[in-house]
Amino acid sequence: MREAGDMDLLRIWQEVDIKDVQEHLLMADDLFGFCPGCKTPGLKLQDLHKCPTCSREFKYVTSKDARGGKSAEVVMRFKKKLPHLTFVDYDDYERLSSKNKAADLFKNM
């Protein structure tokens, strides 16, 4: 059996509740994270489980840096820093979030 650090990455699609992802998402770049709940920037990523400001529990992480051809490299860096979080494709997240915002907007008309 291979060790965790020697494993390969494979994108697997599964149905998720986008609201659960939105409520437990950490936005991150190479060095720091950002809590979308309370808008706290500059969160140190190493072993980050919840926002120190609002106590939002993080289950998922995404990054604009993971777009295009370098996505596997970016995902691997986050898996090393935050192995307990599930990486969410940024483009998929933005597409679904925007779709739901638009649907909510028209629902109130």
C-alpha atoms as a PDB file:
ATOM      1  CA  MET A   1       0.000   0.000   0.000  1.00  0.00           C
ATOM      2  CA  ARG A   2       1.278   3.460  -0.877  1.00  0.00           C
ATOM      3  CA  GLU A   3       1.742   6.154   1.722  1.00  0.00           C
ATOM      4  CA  ALA A   4      -0.429   9.281   1.721  1.00  0.00           C
ATOM      5  CA  GLY A   5       2.358  11.498   0.358  1.00  0.00           C
ATOM      6  CA  ASP A   6       2.883   9.132  -2.576  1.00  0.00           C
ATOM      7  CA  MET A   7      -0.735   9.083  -3.704  1.00  0.00           C
ATOM      8  CA  ASP A   8      -1.981  10.471  -6.997  1.00  0.00           C
ATOM      9  CA  LEU A   9      -4.689  13.093  -7.458  1.00  0.00           C
ATOM     10  CA  LEU A  10      -7.902  12.203  -9.237  1.00  0.00           C
ATOM     11  CA  ARG A  11     -10.872  14.513  -9.609  1.00  0.00           C
ATOM     12  CA  ILE A  12     -14.044  12.825  -8.439  1.00  0.00           C
ATOM     13  CA  TRP A  13     -17.387  14.481  -8.835  1.00  0.00           C
ATOM     14  CA  GLN A  14     -20.047  14.001  -6.224  1.00  0.00           C
ATOM     15  CA  GLU A  15     -23.255  15.736  -5.312  1.00  0.00           C
ATOM     16  CA  VAL A  16     -22.856  18.222  -2.482  1.00  0.00           C
ATOM     17  CA  ASP A  17     -24.990  20.774  -0.721  1.00  0.00           C
ATOM     18  CA  ILE A  18     -23.554  24.066  -1.996  1.00  0.00           C
ATOM     19  CA  LYS A  19     -24.844  25.847   1.115  1.00  0.00           C
ATOM     20  CA  ASP A  20     -22.779  23.502   3.314  1.00  0.00           C
ATOM     21  CA  VAL A  21     -19.717  24.275   1.198  1.00  0.00           C
ATOM     22  CA  GLN A  22     -20.403  28.019   1.385  1.00  0.00           C
ATOM     23  CA  GLU A  23     -20.781  27.873   5.178  1.00  0.00           C
ATOM     24  CA  HIS A  24     -17.549  25.902   5.722  1.00  0.00           C
ATOM     25  CA  LEU A  25     -15.247  27.198   2.975  1.00  0.00           C
ATOM     26  CA  LEU A  26     -11.796  28.693   3.422  1.00  0.00           C
ATOM     27  CA  MET A  27     -10.511  30.834   0.560  1.00  0.00           C
ATOM     28  CA  ALA A  28      -6.727  30.637   0.328  1.00  0.00           C
ATOM     29  CA  ASP A  29      -3.674  31.658  -1.610  1.00  0.00           C
ATOM     30  CA  ASP A  30      -0.124  30.363  -1.267  1.00  0.00           C
ATOM     31  CA  LEU A  31       0.537  31.822   2.164  1.00  0.00           C
ATOM     32  CA  PHE A  32      -2.684  32.907   3.830  1.00  0.00           C
ATOM     33  CA  GLY A  33      -6.379  32.173   4.089  1.00  0.00           C
ATOM     34  CA  PHE A  34      -9.467  34.366   4.049  1.00  0.00           C
ATOM     35  CA  CYS A  35     -12.674  33.642   5.953  1.00  0.00           C
ATOM     36  CA  PRO A  36     -15.671  34.459   3.718  1.00  0.00           C
ATOM     37  CA  GLY A  37     -17.938  34.444   6.788  1.00  0.00           C
ATOM     38  CA  CYS A  38     -16.446  37.392   8.660  1.00  0.00           C
ATOM     39  CA  LYS A  39     -14.064  38.634   5.933  1.00  0.00           C
ATOM     40  CA  THR A  40     -10.947  38.085   8.092  1.00  0.00           C
ATOM     41  CA  PRO A  41      -7.832  38.090   5.877  1.00  0.00           C
ATOM     42  CA  GLY A  42      -4.306  36.848   6.598  1.00  0.00           C
ATOM     43  CA  LEU A  43      -5.141  33.561   8.325  1.00  0.00           C
ATOM     44  CA  LYS A  44      -2.123  31.279   8.766  1.00  0.00           C
ATOM     45  CA  LEU A  45      -2.929  28.061   6.915  1.00  0.00           C
ATOM     46  CA  GLN A  46      -0.979  25.422   8.817  1.00  0.00           C
ATOM     47  CA  ASP A  47      -3.459  23.175  10.685  1.00  0.00           C
ATOM     48  CA  LEU A  48      -6.252  25.753  10.416  1.00  0.00           C
ATOM     49  CA  HIS A  49      -9.537  24.183  11.529  1.00  0.00           C
ATOM     50  CA  LYS A  50     -11.696  27.215  12.280  1.00  0.00           C
ATOM     51  CA  CYS A  51     -11.639  30.982  11.930  1.00  0.00           C
ATOM     52  CA  PRO A  52     -10.038  32.610  14.988  1.00  0.00           C
ATOM     53  CA  THR A  53     -12.408  35.580  14.630  1.00  0.00           C
ATOM     54  CA  CYS A  54     -15.872  34.067  14.040  1.00  0.00           C
ATOM     55  CA  SER A  55     -15.219  30.368  14.856  1.00  0.00           C
ATOM     56  CA  ARG A  56     -16.467  29.255  11.436  1.00  0.00           C
ATOM     57  CA  GLU A  57     -15.523  25.588  11.047  1.00  0.00           C
ATOM     58  CA  PHE A  58     -13.575  24.899   7.846  1.00  0.00           C
ATOM     59  CA  LYS A  59     -14.299  21.668   5.959  1.00  0.00           C
ATOM     60  CA  TYR A  60     -13.368  22.857   2.468  1.00  0.00           C
ATOM     61  CA  VAL A  61     -10.650  24.977   0.882  1.00  0.00           C
ATOM     62  CA  THR A  62     -10.434  26.589  -2.547  1.00  0.00           C
ATOM     63  CA  SER A  63      -8.037  28.880  -4.327  1.00  0.00           C
ATOM     64  CA  LYS A  64      -8.033  31.052  -7.429  1.00  0.00           C
ATOM     65  CA  ASP A  65      -4.427  29.889  -7.872  1.00  0.00           C
ATOM     66  CA  ALA A  66      -5.652  26.400  -8.838  1.00  0.00           C
ATOM     67  CA  ARG A  67      -6.966  27.493 -12.215  1.00  0.00           C
ATOM     68  CA  GLY A  68      -5.536  26.168 -15.448  1.00  0.00           C
ATOM     69  CA  GLY A  69      -2.581  23.842 -15.898  1.00  0.00           C
ATOM     70  CA  LYS A  70      -1.064  24.307 -12.441  1.00  0.00           C
ATOM     71  CA  SER A  71      -4.082  23.076 -10.482  1.00  0.00           C
ATOM     72  CA  ALA A  72      -2.575  19.711  -9.427  1.00  0.00           C
ATOM     73  CA  GLU A  73       0.513  21.432  -8.031  1.00  0.00           C
ATOM     74  CA  VAL A  74      -1.614  23.920  -6.056  1.00  0.00           C
ATOM     75  CA  VAL A  75      -3.913  21.194  -4.716  1.00  0.00           C
ATOM     76  CA  MET A  76      -0.914  19.174  -3.505  1.00  0.00           C
ATOM     77  CA  ARG A  77       0.451  22.179  -1.612  1.00  0.00           C
ATOM     78  CA  PHE A  78      -2.898  22.646   0.135  1.00  0.00           C
ATOM     79  CA  LYS A  79      -3.191  18.922   0.910  1.00  0.00           C
ATOM     80  CA  LYS A  80       0.151  19.156   2.729  1.00  0.00           C
ATOM     81  CA  LYS A  81      -0.814  22.284   4.679  1.00  0.00           C
ATOM     82  CA  LEU A  82      -4.468  21.375   5.289  1.00  0.00           C
ATOM     83  CA  PRO A  83      -4.849  17.584   4.942  1.00  0.00           C
ATOM     84  CA  HIS A  84      -8.140  17.588   6.861  1.00  0.00           C
ATOM     85  CA  LEU A  85      -9.895  19.860   4.315  1.00  0.00           C
ATOM     86  CA  THR A  86     -11.474  18.824   1.025  1.00  0.00           C
ATOM     87  CA  PHE A  87     -10.231  20.854  -1.928  1.00  0.00           C
ATOM     88  CA  VAL A  88     -13.033  22.414  -3.989  1.00  0.00           C
ATOM     89  CA  ASP A  89     -12.456  23.453  -7.593  1.00  0.00           C
ATOM     90  CA  TYR A  90     -12.669  27.255  -7.624  1.00  0.00           C
ATOM     91  CA  ASP A  91     -14.357  27.532 -11.031  1.00  0.00           C
ATOM     92  CA  ASP A  92     -17.016  24.953 -10.099  1.00  0.00           C
ATOM     93  CA  TYR A  93     -17.656  26.721  -6.794  1.00  0.00           C
ATOM     94  CA  GLU A  94     -17.985  30.145  -8.424  1.00  0.00           C
ATOM     95  CA  ARG A  95     -20.274  28.809 -11.161  1.00  0.00           C
ATOM     96  CA  LEU A  96     -22.653  27.140  -8.688  1.00  0.00           C
ATOM     97  CA  SER A  97     -22.588  30.046  -6.242  1.00  0.00           C
ATOM     98  CA  SER A  98     -23.407  32.529  -9.001  1.00  0.00           C
ATOM     99  CA  LYS A  99     -26.176  30.291 -10.336  1.00  0.00           C
ATOM    100  CA  ASN A 100     -27.764  30.062  -6.871  1.00  0.00           C
ATOM    101  CA  LYS A 101     -27.449  33.810  -6.253  1.00  0.00           C
ATOM    102  CA  ALA A 102     -29.212  34.499  -9.546  1.00  0.00           C
ATOM    103  CA  ALA A 103     -31.966  31.998  -8.729  1.00  0.00           C
ATOM    104  CA  ASP A 104     -32.471  33.601  -5.294  1.00  0.00           C
ATOM    105  CA  LEU A 105     -32.620  37.039  -6.878  1.00  0.00           C
ATOM    106  CA  PHE A 106     -35.397  36.047  -9.273  1.00  0.00           C
ATOM    107  CA  LYS A 107     -37.251  34.072  -6.585  1.00  0.00           C
ATOM    108  CA  ASN A 108     -37.905  37.300  -4.662  1.00  0.00           C
ATOM    109  CA  MET A 109     -39.487  39.095  -7.625  1.00  0.00           C
END
